[in-house]
Structures are given as C-alpha cells and as structure tokens.
Amino acid sequence: MHGEASDGEGGGRDTEVMQQETVPIPASSKKTKQPKECFLIQPKERKDNTTKTRKRRKKKITDVLAKSEPKPGVPEDLQKLMKDYYSSSRSVIELEELNLPDSCFLKANDLTHSLSSYLKEICPKWVKLRRNHTEKKSVLMLIICSSAIRALELIRSMTAFRGDSKVIKLFAKHIKVQEQVELLEKRVVHLGVGTPGRIKELVKQGGLNLNPLKFLVFDWNWRDQKLRRMMDIPEIRKEVFELLEMGVLSLCKSESLKLGLF
C-alpha cells in the first residue's frame, strides 16, 4: 500500500512537472510580438527604397540628356516652334503668313564649326559689307543668345571673324538701355550680340533700326548647365517671337535679311 501510495504521489508530481513544463505560454506571446515589430520596420525600408529609386530616376534623365547625340538645329525647327507658339491665338490664315521661305535661311551649323568659322562660311564678303556700312543706330549682323554671360563668350569666340568691326553688347546686365541708345547714335556699329529682350526694347524705343540688318544669327545649339537650348527657355522663346514680329519676318520675306542657326 505504501508502495502504491508513493507511486501515486510520484505520479502526481510527474503530472505537475509535466503541467509546469507545458504551461509556459508566454513564449508563444513573444512569437506574436515579433511579427508586429517586423511589420513596423518594413514601411521605413520601403520609404528609403522609394527615395533611392526617385533619385536614381532623376540621374538617369540627366544622363540620357548629357549622353544623347546632339542634333543640329534646322530651319524646320524654328518654323515648327512658331506654329506651336501661335496655334492657340492665330487663325489658319495667320499661321500660314508666319511661314518663311527656304531662301531666307542660311546654311545651319552642323556642330563642326566654331562661331568664327560659321560666320565666315555664311558671310564670305563680310569685309566689303562692313566697309560700305555707314548708317548709325543700326547693325549689319545680330547674334541672339540666351544670357549676358553667353553673349560675352560669343564676342570673345568670334575674334578671328570680326577683325576691326565695331561690336556692341546688347543685353540688360549692368548696362542701361539709354547707354546703348547713345552708343548706337554716336558711332557706326557693325555687329550686335545680345538677348532678345533687350534687342526688342531697343527697337521699340527707336534706338535700333532693323532695316539695314543683313544677318540674324541664333545661338541655337548651345546648351546651358541645365542642358537647355535658348529656345527651350519659355521667356526667351516668347521674346524671340515678339522680336521676329517687329519687322524681322517682313525683312526675311523681302529677302533683304537672312537667318542663321549656329
């Protein structure tokens, strides 16, 4: 009996021990906490990933622009831009009037020229033209670009072409309109280099007469630090078209003025 009793007590202890071993459920509760922590961490990783991918995409766009083969501008590019710009505000007949004949365009730069070599090609008789030009408040050739800094670069880069020609800076930076008007009134100038906004203002004020103008050259293919050409900038594009309507288009159609895309 004592043996059976001891076996019973021993068996009871064994069951208690088994119950104690099977009881600790907190381990399962720890398991339920772990996925919660994982779910909290995941969104942070996703945000980091999205920002990284966005940054990479921006770099790719810039890389594509930088590495893409540049295509030289052609007269059709200017014609198309004009139509697109005026399409919402002009009738079909008015849009047709904006079309320029092919004969008014000079050979475009094929991206192999420096400015001096390009100007020599489109204007081989420059020295003779320059000597015969005696009219004040005018220029024989206008070179239009996007900024004052670019204008200075162009002036420096055409030394081989200009020779003894008188050059005037036609931009707004550090130069008042009245100063430019006075310079044009005082002496004969052959070449003008500047921005469309300032040139337009000088024409508007009567300081610059476009009738003697023989060559109008756009700094078409050059790109700034943001890889924009001059006609990619909305303000410049607007001022160019406004300038063209201030007598340039009519001079082109009469074939007294030629357009060049550098």
Protein backbone atom coordinates (compact mmCIF):
# COMPACT_ATOMS: atom_id res chain seq x y z
CA MET A 1 0.00 0.00 0.00
CA HIS A 2 2.76 2.33 0.95
CA GLY A 3 4.43 1.46 -2.35
CA GLU A 4 1.25 2.22 -4.24
CA ALA A 5 0.76 5.46 -2.32
CA SER A 6 4.28 6.55 -3.07
CA ASP A 7 3.71 5.65 -6.70
CA GLY A 8 0.54 7.73 -6.67
CA GLU A 9 2.28 10.71 -5.16
CA GLY A 10 5.18 10.26 -7.51
CA GLY A 11 2.76 10.07 -10.43
CA GLY A 12 1.03 13.22 -9.18
CA ARG A 13 4.35 15.04 -9.07
CA ASP A 14 5.18 13.86 -12.53
CA THR A 15 1.91 15.21 -13.84
CA GLU A 16 2.56 18.51 -12.01
CA VAL A 17 6.01 18.67 -13.53
CA MET A 18 4.54 17.97 -16.96
CA GLN A 19 1.91 20.63 -16.44
CA GLN A 20 4.60 23.10 -15.39
CA GLU A 21 6.61 22.26 -18.48
CA THR A 22 3.62 22.65 -20.79
CA VAL A 23 2.14 25.71 -19.05
CA PRO A 24 4.65 28.48 -20.07
CA ILE A 25 2.61 30.07 -22.88
CA PRO A 26 4.42 33.45 -22.77
CA ALA A 27 6.84 32.00 -25.37
CA SER A 28 4.00 31.96 -27.90
CA SER A 29 3.08 35.54 -26.94
CA LYS A 30 6.68 36.55 -27.66
CA LYS A 31 6.29 34.98 -31.08
CA THR A 32 3.22 37.13 -31.74
CA LYS A 33 5.16 40.28 -30.81
CA GLN A 34 7.98 39.55 -33.25
CA PRO A 35 5.95 39.87 -36.46
CA LYS A 36 4.50 43.14 -35.14
CA GLU A 37 7.99 44.55 -34.81
CA CYS A 38 8.81 43.32 -38.32
CA PHE A 39 5.73 44.99 -39.76
CA LEU A 40 6.70 48.29 -38.13
CA ILE A 41 10.20 48.18 -39.64
CA GLN A 42 9.13 47.29 -43.19
CA PRO A 43 7.45 50.60 -44.13
CA LYS A 44 10.65 52.51 -43.23
CA GLU A 45 12.62 50.28 -45.57
CA ARG A 46 10.08 50.86 -48.32
CA LYS A 47 10.30 54.66 -47.93
CA ASP A 48 14.07 54.52 -48.15
CA ASN A 49 13.80 52.39 -51.25
CA THR A 50 11.34 54.77 -52.94
CA THR A 51 13.53 57.80 -52.29
CA LYS A 52 16.53 55.94 -53.64
CA THR A 53 14.70 54.93 -56.79
CA ARG A 54 13.45 58.50 -57.31
CA LYS A 55 16.96 59.89 -57.04
CA ARG A 56 18.22 57.28 -59.46
CA ARG A 57 15.50 58.16 -61.97
CA LYS A 58 16.47 61.85 -61.91
CA LYS A 59 20.08 60.97 -62.53
CA LYS A 60 19.09 58.73 -65.40
CA ILE A 61 17.15 61.55 -67.09
CA THR A 62 20.14 63.87 -66.81
CA ASP A 63 22.49 61.17 -68.03
CA VAL A 64 20.31 60.50 -71.05
CA LEU A 65 20.28 64.20 -71.98
CA ALA A 66 24.01 64.52 -71.44
CA LYS A 67 24.92 61.37 -73.36
CA SER A 68 22.37 61.70 -76.17
CA GLU A 69 23.84 62.65 -79.50
CA PRO A 70 23.13 66.34 -80.14
CA LYS A 71 21.11 67.06 -83.28
CA PRO A 72 21.91 70.33 -85.06
CA GLY A 73 19.06 72.78 -85.45
CA VAL A 74 17.44 73.16 -88.86
CA PRO A 75 15.06 75.81 -90.28
CA GLU A 76 12.10 73.42 -89.85
CA ASP A 77 12.68 73.55 -86.06
CA LEU A 78 12.13 77.31 -85.99
CA GLN A 79 9.08 77.07 -88.24
CA LYS A 80 7.52 74.37 -86.05
CA LEU A 81 8.17 76.29 -82.82
CA MET A 82 6.48 79.37 -84.29
CA LYS A 83 3.40 77.40 -85.33
CA ASP A 84 3.15 75.71 -81.93
CA TYR A 85 3.55 79.05 -80.12
CA TYR A 86 0.84 80.85 -82.11
CA SER A 87 -1.51 77.92 -82.79
CA SER A 88 -3.90 78.79 -79.95
CA SER A 89 -4.13 82.52 -80.74
CA ARG A 90 -3.94 82.70 -84.55
CA SER A 91 -6.23 81.61 -87.36
CA VAL A 92 -5.11 79.15 -90.03
CA ILE A 93 -4.53 82.01 -92.49
CA GLU A 94 -2.48 83.97 -89.94
CA LEU A 95 -0.38 80.89 -89.20
CA GLU A 96 0.36 80.48 -92.91
CA GLU A 97 1.58 84.08 -93.01
CA LEU A 98 4.23 83.16 -90.45
CA ASN A 99 5.82 80.65 -92.83
CA LEU A 100 9.22 81.77 -94.06
CA PRO A 101 10.61 80.81 -97.47
CA ASP A 102 13.59 78.46 -97.50
CA SER A 103 15.56 81.14 -99.33
CA CYS A 104 15.70 83.34 -96.23
CA PHE A 105 17.64 80.69 -94.26
CA LEU A 106 21.42 80.40 -94.38
CA LYS A 107 23.21 77.07 -94.03
CA ALA A 108 22.78 75.82 -90.46
CA ASN A 109 25.71 74.87 -88.25
CA ASP A 110 26.34 71.11 -88.41
CA LEU A 111 28.05 71.27 -84.98
CA THR A 112 31.55 71.15 -86.52
CA HIS A 113 32.02 74.94 -86.62
CA SER A 114 33.37 77.49 -84.20
CA LEU A 115 31.44 80.77 -84.30
CA SER A 116 34.14 82.47 -86.39
CA SER A 117 34.30 79.64 -88.96
CA TYR A 118 30.50 79.54 -89.20
CA LEU A 119 30.21 83.30 -89.75
CA LYS A 120 32.94 83.17 -92.39
CA GLU A 121 31.03 80.46 -94.22
CA ILE A 122 27.65 82.23 -94.22
CA CYS A 123 29.12 85.68 -94.88
CA PRO A 124 32.26 85.38 -97.04
CA LYS A 125 32.03 89.06 -98.16
CA TRP A 126 31.89 90.47 -94.63
CA VAL A 127 34.89 92.82 -95.05
CA LYS A 128 33.29 94.54 -98.06
CA LEU A 129 29.89 94.80 -96.34
CA ARG A 130 31.48 96.27 -93.25
CA ARG A 131 33.31 98.97 -95.23
CA ASN A 132 30.13 100.04 -97.01
CA HIS A 133 28.07 100.28 -93.82
CA THR A 134 27.84 103.91 -92.68
CA GLU A 135 24.41 104.10 -91.06
CA LYS A 136 24.17 104.80 -87.34
CA LYS A 137 21.54 103.35 -84.97
CA SER A 138 21.85 100.04 -86.81
CA VAL A 139 23.97 96.92 -87.24
CA LEU A 140 24.72 94.60 -90.16
CA MET A 141 24.63 91.43 -88.11
CA LEU A 142 22.78 90.47 -84.92
CA ILE A 143 23.66 87.40 -82.87
CA ILE A 144 20.93 86.44 -80.41
CA CYS A 145 21.63 84.27 -77.36
CA SER A 146 20.06 83.40 -74.01
CA SER A 147 22.10 85.42 -71.49
CA ALA A 148 24.65 88.19 -70.93
CA ILE A 149 27.34 85.69 -69.92
CA ARG A 150 26.80 83.71 -73.11
CA ALA A 151 26.92 86.93 -75.15
CA LEU A 152 30.36 87.75 -73.74
CA GLU A 153 31.56 84.22 -74.57
CA LEU A 154 30.35 84.62 -78.16
CA ILE A 155 32.06 88.01 -78.55
CA ARG A 156 35.35 86.50 -77.38
CA SER A 157 34.98 83.49 -79.67
CA MET A 158 34.47 85.44 -82.91
CA THR A 159 37.70 87.49 -82.84
CA ALA A 160 39.00 85.78 -86.00
CA PHE A 161 35.88 86.80 -87.92
CA ARG A 162 35.16 90.31 -86.72
CA GLY A 163 38.62 91.85 -87.30
CA ASP A 164 38.24 95.63 -86.98
CA SER A 165 34.43 95.51 -86.85
CA LYS A 166 32.73 97.56 -84.15
CA VAL A 167 30.79 95.33 -81.76
CA ILE A 168 28.09 96.37 -79.29
CA LYS A 169 26.81 94.37 -76.31
CA LEU A 170 23.02 94.29 -76.37
CA PHE A 171 21.96 92.82 -73.04
CA ALA A 172 20.49 94.21 -69.82
CA LYS A 173 23.09 93.14 -67.24
CA HIS A 174 24.96 96.22 -65.89
CA ILE A 175 24.04 98.26 -69.00
CA LYS A 176 21.11 100.68 -69.17
CA VAL A 177 19.01 100.96 -72.32
CA GLN A 178 19.81 104.66 -72.63
CA GLU A 179 23.55 103.97 -72.63
CA GLN A 180 23.12 101.57 -75.56
CA VAL A 181 20.88 104.04 -77.41
CA GLU A 182 23.56 106.74 -77.06
CA LEU A 183 26.32 104.41 -78.28
CA LEU A 184 24.30 103.49 -81.37
CA GLU A 185 23.62 107.18 -82.08
CA LYS A 186 27.26 108.27 -81.72
CA ARG A 187 29.07 105.78 -83.93
CA VAL A 188 28.70 103.23 -86.70
CA VAL A 189 28.40 99.68 -85.35
CA HIS A 190 28.70 96.51 -87.42
CA LEU A 191 27.91 93.68 -85.02
CA GLY A 192 25.45 93.35 -82.15
CA VAL A 193 25.44 90.45 -79.71
CA GLY A 194 22.80 90.12 -77.03
CA THR A 195 19.50 88.85 -75.69
CA PRO A 196 16.14 89.10 -77.47
CA GLY A 197 14.52 91.04 -74.61
CA ARG A 198 16.99 93.94 -74.72
CA ILE A 199 17.16 93.99 -78.53
CA LYS A 200 13.36 94.13 -78.63
CA GLU A 201 13.36 97.06 -76.18
CA LEU A 202 15.91 99.00 -78.26
CA VAL A 203 13.82 98.50 -81.41
CA LYS A 204 10.69 99.58 -79.51
CA GLN A 205 12.36 102.80 -78.29
CA GLY A 206 13.72 103.62 -81.74
CA GLY A 207 17.33 103.17 -80.67
CA LEU A 208 17.93 100.32 -83.14
CA ASN A 209 16.76 100.33 -86.74
CA LEU A 210 16.43 96.82 -88.20
CA ASN A 211 16.12 97.82 -91.88
CA PRO A 212 19.89 97.79 -92.65
CA LEU A 213 20.23 94.39 -90.91
CA LYS A 214 21.56 91.69 -93.27
CA PHE A 215 22.19 88.71 -90.96
CA LEU A 216 20.33 87.48 -87.88
CA VAL A 217 22.05 84.51 -86.23
CA PHE A 218 20.55 82.47 -83.40
CA ASP A 219 22.83 80.75 -80.88
CA TRP A 220 20.60 77.74 -81.47
CA ASN A 221 22.55 74.62 -80.48
CA TRP A 222 24.39 75.73 -77.35
CA ARG A 223 23.12 74.29 -74.04
CA ASP A 224 23.40 75.77 -70.56
CA GLN A 225 24.20 73.90 -67.32
CA LYS A 226 20.65 72.53 -67.24
CA LEU A 227 21.14 71.26 -70.81
CA ARG A 228 18.61 73.76 -72.18
CA ARG A 229 18.98 75.43 -75.56
CA MET A 230 17.91 79.06 -75.83
CA MET A 231 14.56 78.13 -77.41
CA ASP A 232 13.86 75.62 -74.63
CA ILE A 233 13.51 78.53 -72.17
CA PRO A 234 9.90 79.86 -72.30
CA GLU A 235 10.78 83.53 -71.61
CA ILE A 236 13.49 83.57 -74.29
CA ARG A 237 11.24 81.82 -76.80
CA LYS A 238 8.46 84.37 -76.19
CA GLU A 239 10.83 87.33 -76.64
CA VAL A 240 12.32 85.84 -79.82
CA PHE A 241 8.91 85.50 -81.48
CA GLU A 242 7.90 89.00 -80.38
CA LEU A 243 11.12 90.36 -81.89
CA LEU A 244 10.51 88.47 -85.14
CA GLU A 245 7.16 90.22 -85.46
CA MET A 246 8.74 93.66 -85.02
CA GLY A 247 9.86 93.75 -88.64
CA VAL A 248 12.16 90.74 -88.89
CA LEU A 249 9.64 88.47 -90.64
CA SER A 250 8.80 91.11 -93.25
CA LEU A 251 12.53 91.71 -93.92
CA CYS A 252 13.02 87.95 -94.35
CA LYS A 253 10.13 87.69 -96.80
CA SER A 254 11.56 90.57 -98.84
CA GLU A 255 14.85 88.61 -98.86
CA SER A 256 16.89 91.53 -97.56
CA LEU A 257 17.58 89.65 -94.31
CA LYS A 258 18.96 86.12 -93.87
CA LEU A 259 18.57 83.88 -90.81
CA GLY A 260 21.24 81.52 -89.48
CA LEU A 261 21.16 78.81 -86.81
CA PHE A 262 24.53 78.44 -85.11
